[in-house]
C-alpha atoms as a PDB file:
ATOM      1  CA  MET A   1      -0.158   0.053  -0.023  1.00  0.00           C
ATOM      2  CA  GLY A   2       2.956   2.444   0.565  1.00  0.00           C
ATOM      3  CA  SER A   3       4.131   2.653  -3.027  1.00  0.00           C
ATOM      4  CA  PHE A   4       2.429   2.999  -6.419  1.00  0.00           C
ATOM      5  CA  SER A   5       3.068   0.718  -9.372  1.00  0.00           C
ATOM      6  CA  ILE A   6       3.716   2.021 -12.911  1.00  0.00           C
ATOM      7  CA  TRP A   7       0.064   1.086 -13.602  1.00  0.00           C
ATOM      8  CA  HIS A   8      -1.173   3.613 -10.871  1.00  0.00           C
ATOM      9  CA  TRP A   9       0.971   6.288 -12.431  1.00  0.00           C
ATOM     10  CA  LEU A  10      -0.426   5.553 -15.873  1.00  0.00           C
ATOM     11  CA  VAL A  11      -4.054   5.751 -14.775  1.00  0.00           C
ATOM     12  CA  VAL A  12      -3.281   9.098 -12.979  1.00  0.00           C
ATOM     13  CA  LEU A  13      -1.728  10.448 -16.128  1.00  0.00           C
ATOM     14  CA  ALA A  14      -4.517   9.450 -18.311  1.00  0.00           C
ATOM     15  CA  ILE A  15      -7.113  11.182 -16.016  1.00  0.00           C
ATOM     16  CA  VAL A  16      -5.074  14.169 -15.845  1.00  0.00           C
ATOM     17  CA  LEU A  17      -4.736  14.312 -19.804  1.00  0.00           C
ATOM     18  CA  LEU A  18      -8.693  13.623 -20.001  1.00  0.00           C
ATOM     19  CA  LEU A  19      -9.382  16.412 -17.615  1.00  0.00           C
ATOM     20  CA  PHE A  20      -7.118  19.147 -18.798  1.00  0.00           C
ATOM     21  CA  GLY A  21      -6.183  18.006 -22.299  1.00  0.00           C
ATOM     22  CA  THR A  22      -2.853  18.141 -23.989  1.00  0.00           C
ATOM     23  CA  GLY A  23      -3.297  21.738 -25.108  1.00  0.00           C
ATOM     24  CA  ARG A  24      -3.557  23.114 -21.659  1.00  0.00           C
ATOM     25  CA  ILE A  25      -0.616  21.075 -20.311  1.00  0.00           C
ATOM     26  CA  SER A  26       1.439  22.181 -23.150  1.00  0.00           C
ATOM     27  CA  THR A  27       0.622  25.882 -22.577  1.00  0.00           C
ATOM     28  CA  LEU A  28       1.244  25.469 -18.921  1.00  0.00           C
ATOM     29  CA  MET A  29       4.707  23.969 -19.665  1.00  0.00           C
ATOM     30  CA  GLY A  30       5.588  26.702 -22.141  1.00  0.00           C
ATOM     31  CA  ASP A  31       4.559  29.205 -19.446  1.00  0.00           C
ATOM     32  CA  LEU A  32       6.631  27.479 -16.843  1.00  0.00           C
ATOM     33  CA  ALA A  33       9.584  27.491 -19.386  1.00  0.00           C
ATOM     34  CA  LYS A  34       9.152  31.313 -19.912  1.00  0.00           C
ATOM     35  CA  GLY A  35       9.241  31.744 -16.062  1.00  0.00           C
ATOM     36  CA  VAL A  36      12.392  29.832 -15.688  1.00  0.00           C
ATOM     37  CA  LYS A  37      13.985  31.965 -18.384  1.00  0.00           C
ATOM     38  CA  ALA A  38      12.875  35.176 -16.902  1.00  0.00           C
ATOM     39  CA  PHE A  39      14.186  34.135 -13.551  1.00  0.00           C
ATOM     40  CA  LYS A  40      17.680  33.199 -14.903  1.00  0.00           C
ATOM     41  CA  LYS A  41      17.796  36.393 -16.866  1.00  0.00           C
ATOM     42  CA  GLY A  42      17.084  38.289 -13.594  1.00  0.00           C
ATOM     43  CA  LEU A  43      19.820  36.406 -11.710  1.00  0.00           C
ATOM     44  CA  ALA A  44      22.188  37.291 -14.522  1.00  0.00           C
ATOM     45  CA  GLU A  45      21.175  40.929 -14.322  1.00  0.00           C
ATOM     46  CA  ASP A  46      21.907  41.115 -10.509  1.00  0.00           C
ATOM     47  CA  ASP A  47      25.431  40.144 -11.170  1.00  0.00           C
ATOM     48  CA  GLU A  48      25.979  43.301 -13.415  1.00  0.00           C
ATOM     49  CA  PRO A  49      27.156  46.337 -11.456  1.00  0.00           C
ATOM     50  CA  THR A  50      24.920  49.390 -11.121  1.00  0.00           C
ATOM     51  CA  PRO A  51      25.698  52.926  -9.869  1.00  0.00           C
ATOM     52  CA  ASP A  52      23.682  51.962  -6.574  1.00  0.00           C
ATOM     53  CA  HIS A  53      25.698  48.585  -6.290  1.00  0.00           C
ATOM     54  CA  PRO A  54      29.147  48.709  -7.771  1.00  0.00           C
ATOM     55  CA  LYS A  55      31.042  45.473  -8.558  1.00  0.00           C
ATOM     56  CA  ALA A  56      32.757  44.113  -5.513  1.00  0.00           C
ATOM     57  CA  LEU A  57      36.526  43.834  -5.930  1.00  0.00           C
ATOM     58  CA  SER A  58      38.344  40.517  -5.304  1.00  0.00           C
ATOM     59  CA  ALA A  59      41.267  40.559  -2.963  1.00  0.00           C
ATOM     60  CA  GLU A  60      43.687  40.272  -5.773  1.00  0.00           C
ATOM     61  CA  GLU A  61      42.024  43.424  -7.375  1.00  0.00           C
ATOM     62  CA  VAL A  62      42.207  45.388  -4.195  1.00  0.00           C
ATOM     63  CA  ALA A  63      45.948  44.428  -3.531  1.00  0.00           C
ATOM     64  CA  ALA A  64      46.801  45.426  -7.209  1.00  0.00           C
ATOM     65  CA  GLY A  65      45.062  48.809  -6.759  1.00  0.00           C
ATOM     66  CA  ALA A  66      46.826  49.439  -3.523  1.00  0.00           C
ATOM     67  CA  LYS A  67      50.194  48.612  -5.018  1.00  0.00           C
ATOM     68  CA  LYS A  68      49.633  51.018  -7.958  1.00  0.00           C
ATOM     69  CA  LYS A  69      48.483  53.708  -5.499  1.00  0.00           C
ATOM     70  CA  ASP A  70      51.679  53.233  -3.394  1.00  0.00           C
ATOM     71  CA  GLU A  71      54.084  53.120  -6.504  1.00  0.00           C
ATOM     72  CA  ALA A  72      52.207  56.574  -7.690  1.00  0.00           C
ATOM     73  CA  HIS A  73      52.844  58.172  -4.280  1.00  0.00           C
ATOM     74  CA  ASN A  74      56.424  57.097  -4.268  1.00  0.00           C
ATOM     75  CA  HIS A  75      57.276  58.671  -7.729  1.00  0.00           C
END
């Protein structure tokens, strides 16, 4: 009773297809794909620096900038 066999899942799938039809399911899956793409695009846009949130420098970039600044003051 704890697990379902493949036949149970096939019957459930057949009922879902009868209730919703293949057109609605394909539309729903297309909308889901658009949502995932928009989410990924939003994440990629968050990585780009803006005036409000400039890019964070890595430790190597900070050290290189400090070294150049020291060299400029010494000359």
